[in-house]
Amino acid sequence: MTAVVEATDLKKRYGEFTAVDGVSLRVDAGECYGLLGPNGAGKTSIIRMMYGFSPLSSGKMLLFGQDIEKDWRVIRSRIGVCQQDNTLDPDLSVEDNLAVFAGYYSIPAARARARAEELLGFFALEKKRKAKVMELSGGLAKRLMVARSLINEPELLILDEPTTGLDPQSRHLLWEKLRALQKTGVTLFLTTHYMEEASYLCNRLMIIDYGKILVEDSPQSLIKRHVGDSAIEIEGADEALRQYLEKNRINHEVMDQRIMVYAENSVAEHIRHHFCMQRCTFRPPTLEDVFLHLTGRELRE
């Protein structure tokens, strides 16, 4: 499998603060790779180094086998970047935002207009072609940002929290468009705070915290490895249950008013029949359980 991205011992420092501390990763052609972590974990710093916006403090970053620090002009022509914030030109119409952006890649005017038409159709923006950016809803603006990042027909699309703030309908529509892009051979690299999004889109993902790697694997493999078959939320747990969990070294978290237990099905059934005298909730575990279990539940900012 051909590597589109290879990062080795990547570090990023801001004065005395180390935002990224020895991260290594590999993204293969055609896959969707996710980068997850709490606020301040180092995700955006990695993204910015990846597309050449922020210099590396140390380590190595290769895209398409080329060094981002030496060959960034060639690399930038082969990638698309959709940032968190709205960077669309408010003075231009929807179609002109696409056409003008094509000029940065020296795309001939006729091809730029044709490509803009393709993208307007793909993202269902034809009826808004003459609208100014300020007239667009958040979902339409985000679709236009992703469309603009594809104007140069990139081989790698980098998305920094692409659906933050979108309503469920807009979010799911964008997910479908991203999956359709992947099927055409485009490699996707994204950061997200939505665990459902990561589970739905990503072939593999990495969870980082305080600039360091915690885990890396497919979503389902991470769920199986770290939280098992069942997630059980128990309110009003008594001392007998606590002793059972400790004695048998069953994966669990104790909170103020409840206990979260992550267990295999046989253990879940034992708990159901012997300890659930009060309120218990049984459900399949999710990637969010993995994330909270590994990074903690306390607020960071």
Protein backbone atom coordinates (compact mmCIF):
# COMPACT_ATOMS: atom_id res chain seq x y z
CA MET A 1 0.00 0.00 0.00
CA THR A 2 1.36 3.45 -0.97
CA ALA A 3 1.79 5.94 1.88
CA VAL A 4 0.27 9.35 1.23
CA VAL A 5 1.36 10.73 4.62
CA GLU A 6 4.29 9.59 6.74
CA ALA A 7 5.14 11.47 9.92
CA THR A 8 8.08 10.37 12.04
CA ASP A 9 8.75 11.58 15.61
CA LEU A 10 6.88 14.80 14.89
CA LYS A 11 7.35 17.59 17.45
CA LYS A 12 5.98 21.11 17.67
CA ARG A 13 7.05 23.57 20.35
CA TYR A 14 5.82 27.05 21.13
CA GLY A 15 8.49 28.44 23.41
CA GLU A 16 8.61 26.18 26.46
CA PHE A 17 5.30 24.49 25.59
CA THR A 18 5.37 21.26 23.59
CA ALA A 19 2.11 20.90 21.63
CA VAL A 20 3.10 17.77 19.68
CA ASP A 21 5.50 15.37 21.33
CA GLY A 22 6.89 12.56 19.18
CA VAL A 23 3.89 11.63 17.04
CA SER A 24 4.45 9.14 14.21
CA LEU A 25 1.72 8.09 11.80
CA ARG A 26 1.13 6.70 8.34
CA VAL A 27 -1.88 7.28 6.07
CA ASP A 28 -2.29 4.95 3.09
CA ALA A 29 -3.72 5.94 -0.26
CA GLY A 30 -7.51 5.85 -0.41
CA GLU A 31 -8.22 5.56 3.30
CA CYS A 32 -9.90 7.95 5.70
CA TYR A 33 -7.71 8.58 8.73
CA GLY A 34 -8.98 10.41 11.81
CA LEU A 35 -7.14 12.37 14.48
CA LEU A 36 -9.01 12.65 17.77
CA GLY A 37 -8.19 14.30 21.07
CA PRO A 38 -9.46 16.81 23.64
CA ASN A 39 -9.08 20.54 23.07
CA GLY A 40 -5.39 21.42 23.17
CA ALA A 41 -4.24 17.86 22.47
CA GLY A 42 -2.19 18.93 19.42
CA LYS A 43 -4.54 18.01 16.56
CA THR A 44 -4.56 21.38 14.77
CA SER A 45 -0.80 21.73 15.23
CA ILE A 46 -0.31 18.43 13.37
CA ILE A 47 -2.72 19.50 10.63
CA ARG A 48 -0.92 22.83 10.14
CA MET A 49 2.46 21.14 9.88
CA MET A 50 0.99 18.68 7.40
CA TYR A 51 0.01 21.33 4.87
CA GLY A 52 3.08 23.50 5.40
CA PHE A 53 1.45 26.36 7.34
CA SER A 54 3.51 25.80 10.49
CA PRO A 55 7.17 24.67 10.50
CA LEU A 56 8.18 21.48 12.28
CA SER A 57 10.21 21.88 15.47
CA SER A 58 11.74 18.47 14.79
CA GLY A 59 10.91 15.17 13.15
CA LYS A 60 9.94 14.49 9.54
CA MET A 61 6.75 14.90 7.52
CA LEU A 62 6.48 13.30 4.09
CA LEU A 63 3.51 13.65 1.76
CA PHE A 64 3.57 11.53 -1.40
CA GLY A 65 7.13 10.64 -0.41
CA GLN A 66 8.23 14.29 -0.50
CA ASP A 67 9.46 16.39 2.41
CA ILE A 68 6.98 19.13 3.37
CA GLU A 69 9.85 21.39 4.44
CA LYS A 70 11.63 21.13 1.09
CA ASP A 71 8.94 20.39 -1.48
CA TRP A 72 5.93 22.21 -0.05
CA ARG A 73 5.07 24.00 -3.29
CA VAL A 74 4.75 20.73 -5.20
CA ILE A 75 2.92 19.08 -2.30
CA ARG A 76 0.43 21.94 -1.95
CA SER A 77 -0.63 21.48 -5.57
CA ARG A 78 -1.68 17.91 -4.76
CA ILE A 79 -3.66 18.53 -1.56
CA GLY A 80 -6.84 20.30 -0.52
CA VAL A 81 -7.35 21.90 2.89
CA CYS A 82 -10.65 22.71 4.61
CA GLN A 83 -9.95 24.66 7.79
CA GLN A 84 -12.14 25.02 10.89
CA ASP A 85 -12.98 28.68 10.42
CA ASN A 86 -14.92 30.20 7.55
CA THR A 87 -12.29 31.63 5.20
CA LEU A 88 -14.61 32.25 2.24
CA ASP A 89 -14.47 35.66 0.55
CA PRO A 90 -17.64 37.52 1.70
CA ASP A 91 -17.49 39.91 -1.28
CA LEU A 92 -17.77 37.14 -3.86
CA SER A 93 -20.64 34.92 -4.93
CA VAL A 94 -20.62 31.17 -4.35
CA GLU A 95 -19.41 30.37 -7.88
CA ASP A 96 -16.83 33.16 -7.85
CA ASN A 97 -15.36 31.86 -4.60
CA LEU A 98 -14.60 28.66 -6.49
CA ALA A 99 -13.38 30.30 -9.69
CA VAL A 100 -11.11 32.82 -7.98
CA PHE A 101 -9.60 30.18 -5.71
CA ALA A 102 -8.75 28.15 -8.80
CA GLY A 103 -6.46 31.02 -9.80
CA TYR A 104 -4.14 30.20 -6.91
CA TYR A 105 -3.41 26.92 -8.68
CA SER A 106 -3.03 28.57 -12.11
CA ILE A 107 -5.97 26.56 -13.41
CA PRO A 108 -7.04 27.95 -16.82
CA ALA A 109 -10.25 29.99 -16.68
CA ALA A 110 -12.29 27.60 -18.82
CA ARG A 111 -11.24 24.59 -16.74
CA ALA A 112 -11.85 26.54 -13.52
CA ARG A 113 -15.44 27.33 -14.55
CA ALA A 114 -16.03 23.73 -15.58
CA ARG A 115 -14.61 22.44 -12.32
CA ALA A 116 -16.74 24.93 -10.38
CA GLU A 117 -19.82 23.58 -12.16
CA GLU A 118 -18.88 20.03 -11.20
CA LEU A 119 -18.48 20.97 -7.56
CA LEU A 120 -21.65 23.06 -7.41
CA GLY A 121 -23.53 20.02 -8.67
CA PHE A 122 -21.77 17.55 -6.38
CA PHE A 123 -22.53 19.61 -3.25
CA ALA A 124 -26.04 20.64 -4.37
CA LEU A 125 -25.14 24.35 -4.50
CA GLU A 126 -26.40 25.16 -8.01
CA LYS A 127 -29.35 27.20 -6.77
CA LYS A 128 -27.03 29.31 -4.61
CA ARG A 129 -24.40 30.02 -7.29
CA LYS A 130 -25.13 33.79 -7.35
CA ALA A 131 -25.62 34.15 -3.59
CA LYS A 132 -23.07 36.01 -1.48
CA VAL A 133 -21.36 34.09 1.30
CA MET A 134 -23.08 36.15 4.00
CA GLU A 135 -26.43 34.85 2.73
CA LEU A 136 -25.51 31.20 3.27
CA SER A 137 -26.49 29.06 6.22
CA GLY A 138 -23.73 27.37 8.21
CA GLY A 139 -24.30 24.09 6.40
CA LEU A 140 -24.17 25.67 2.94
CA ALA A 141 -21.03 27.64 3.83
CA LYS A 142 -19.29 24.48 5.03
CA ARG A 143 -20.23 22.62 1.86
CA LEU A 144 -18.80 25.50 -0.15
CA MET A 145 -15.58 25.40 1.88
CA VAL A 146 -15.16 21.69 1.18
CA ALA A 147 -16.01 22.28 -2.49
CA ARG A 148 -13.38 25.03 -2.69
CA SER A 149 -10.75 22.74 -1.17
CA LEU A 150 -11.40 20.32 -4.05
CA ILE A 151 -11.05 22.83 -6.89
CA ASN A 152 -7.58 21.54 -7.80
CA GLU A 153 -8.69 17.86 -7.79
CA PRO A 154 -6.44 16.96 -4.84
CA GLU A 155 -5.23 13.46 -4.06
CA LEU A 156 -5.32 14.22 -0.32
CA LEU A 157 -8.08 16.20 1.38
CA ILE A 158 -7.28 17.55 4.87
CA LEU A 159 -10.31 18.50 6.96
CA ASP A 160 -10.03 20.22 10.34
CA GLU A 161 -13.32 19.61 12.21
CA PRO A 162 -15.38 19.77 9.01
CA THR A 163 -18.86 19.52 10.57
CA THR A 164 -18.56 21.53 13.79
CA GLY A 165 -21.71 23.55 14.38
CA LEU A 166 -23.77 21.86 11.67
CA ASP A 167 -27.27 20.49 12.22
CA PRO A 168 -27.70 16.70 11.94
CA GLN A 169 -29.09 16.86 8.39
CA SER A 170 -26.20 18.97 7.11
CA ARG A 171 -23.69 16.81 8.93
CA HIS A 172 -25.00 13.56 7.45
CA LEU A 173 -25.14 15.07 3.95
CA LEU A 174 -21.49 16.10 4.22
CA TRP A 175 -20.56 12.64 5.50
CA GLU A 176 -22.12 11.07 2.43
CA LYS A 177 -20.23 13.44 0.14
CA LEU A 178 -16.94 12.63 1.88
CA ARG A 179 -17.55 8.90 1.54
CA ALA A 180 -18.35 9.38 -2.14
CA LEU A 181 -15.05 11.26 -2.55
CA GLN A 182 -13.16 8.44 -0.86
CA LYS A 183 -14.69 5.95 -3.28
CA THR A 184 -13.16 7.94 -6.15
CA GLY A 185 -9.70 7.41 -4.62
CA VAL A 186 -9.28 10.64 -2.64
CA THR A 187 -7.43 10.11 0.65
CA LEU A 188 -9.06 11.84 3.63
CA PHE A 189 -7.38 13.07 6.79
CA LEU A 190 -9.65 14.68 9.36
CA THR A 191 -9.86 15.92 12.92
CA THR A 192 -13.18 15.82 14.70
CA HIS A 193 -14.84 16.04 18.10
CA TYR A 194 -17.78 13.95 16.90
CA MET A 195 -17.19 10.31 17.80
CA GLU A 196 -20.09 9.19 15.60
CA GLU A 197 -18.43 10.99 12.69
CA ALA A 198 -15.11 9.26 13.31
CA SER A 199 -16.80 5.85 13.58
CA TYR A 200 -18.77 6.40 10.38
CA LEU A 201 -15.99 7.80 8.19
CA CYS A 202 -12.64 6.55 9.42
CA ASN A 203 -10.90 3.34 8.41
CA ARG A 204 -8.31 4.03 11.10
CA LEU A 205 -7.82 6.73 13.70
CA MET A 206 -5.44 7.94 16.36
CA ILE A 207 -6.35 9.39 19.73
CA ILE A 208 -3.80 11.82 21.13
CA ASP A 209 -3.61 13.73 24.40
CA TYR A 210 -1.11 16.29 25.64
CA GLY A 211 0.66 15.93 22.29
CA LYS A 212 1.30 12.20 22.68
CA ILE A 213 -0.22 9.12 21.04
CA LEU A 214 -2.60 7.13 23.23
CA VAL A 215 -3.92 4.56 20.74
CA GLU A 216 -4.23 3.90 17.01
CA ASP A 217 -6.44 1.36 15.21
CA SER A 218 -9.79 0.97 13.48
CA PRO A 219 -12.81 2.29 15.44
CA GLN A 220 -14.27 -1.18 16.04
CA SER A 221 -10.92 -2.63 17.14
CA LEU A 222 -10.45 0.18 19.65
CA ILE A 223 -13.95 -0.36 21.04
CA LYS A 224 -13.38 -4.10 21.41
CA ARG A 225 -9.95 -3.70 22.99
CA HIS A 226 -10.67 -0.91 25.46
CA VAL A 227 -14.34 -1.22 26.46
CA GLY A 228 -15.42 -4.72 25.48
CA ASP A 229 -18.86 -5.93 24.46
CA SER A 230 -21.14 -3.99 26.82
CA ALA A 231 -21.32 -0.63 28.52
CA ILE A 232 -23.33 -0.60 31.76
CA GLU A 233 -24.32 2.59 33.55
CA ILE A 234 -25.33 1.90 37.14
CA GLU A 235 -26.88 4.45 39.48
CA GLY A 236 -26.88 3.94 43.22
CA ALA A 237 -24.33 1.11 43.11
CA ASP A 238 -23.79 -0.61 46.44
CA GLU A 239 -20.56 -1.73 48.08
CA ALA A 240 -21.03 -5.36 46.98
CA LEU A 241 -20.84 -4.33 43.33
CA ARG A 242 -17.78 -2.19 43.94
CA GLN A 243 -16.03 -5.12 45.63
CA TYR A 244 -17.01 -7.46 42.79
CA LEU A 245 -15.57 -5.11 40.19
CA GLU A 246 -12.33 -4.60 42.13
CA LYS A 247 -11.86 -8.27 42.99
CA ASN A 248 -12.36 -9.39 39.39
CA ARG A 249 -10.45 -6.45 37.92
CA ILE A 250 -13.33 -5.48 35.69
CA ASN A 251 -12.86 -2.30 33.69
CA HIS A 252 -14.93 0.45 35.32
CA GLU A 253 -15.06 4.12 36.24
CA VAL A 254 -16.51 5.50 39.47
CA MET A 255 -18.27 8.86 39.23
CA ASP A 256 -20.19 10.93 41.76
CA GLN A 257 -23.56 9.22 41.51
CA ARG A 258 -22.91 6.29 39.19
CA ILE A 259 -20.49 3.68 37.94
CA MET A 260 -19.65 2.95 34.30
CA VAL A 261 -18.70 -0.67 33.67
CA TYR A 262 -17.13 -1.95 30.45
CA ALA A 263 -17.27 -5.71 30.19
CA GLU A 264 -17.68 -8.84 28.11
CA ASN A 265 -21.20 -10.16 27.61
CA SER A 266 -20.91 -12.89 30.26
CA VAL A 267 -19.87 -10.39 32.91
CA ALA A 268 -22.62 -7.99 31.85
CA GLU A 269 -25.19 -10.76 32.33
CA HIS A 270 -23.82 -11.56 35.79
CA ILE A 271 -24.11 -7.91 36.78
CA ARG A 272 -27.63 -7.73 35.34
CA HIS A 273 -28.86 -10.63 37.49
CA HIS A 274 -26.97 -9.96 40.71
CA PHE A 275 -26.36 -6.24 41.10
CA CYS A 276 -28.97 -4.32 39.15
CA MET A 277 -31.50 -3.83 41.92
CA GLN A 278 -31.79 -0.15 41.11
CA ARG A 279 -31.38 1.71 37.83
CA CYS A 280 -29.08 0.12 35.24
CA THR A 281 -28.64 0.99 31.57
CA PHE A 282 -27.16 -1.62 29.23
CA ARG A 283 -26.03 -0.58 25.74
CA PRO A 284 -23.41 -1.37 23.10
CA PRO A 285 -20.15 0.49 23.75
CA THR A 286 -19.15 3.31 21.41
CA LEU A 287 -16.03 5.17 20.36
CA GLU A 288 -17.07 7.93 22.75
CA ASP A 289 -16.70 5.45 25.63
CA VAL A 290 -13.17 4.70 24.44
CA PHE A 291 -12.37 8.40 24.13
CA LEU A 292 -13.65 9.29 27.61
CA HIS A 293 -12.07 6.23 29.19
CA LEU A 294 -8.64 7.11 27.77
CA THR A 295 -8.66 10.90 28.07
CA GLY A 296 -10.83 11.40 31.16
CA ARG A 297 -14.10 13.20 31.75
CA GLU A 298 -12.89 16.47 33.26
CA LEU A 299 -13.20 19.72 31.35
CA ARG A 300 -9.92 21.05 29.91
CA GLU A 301 -10.88 24.63 29.01
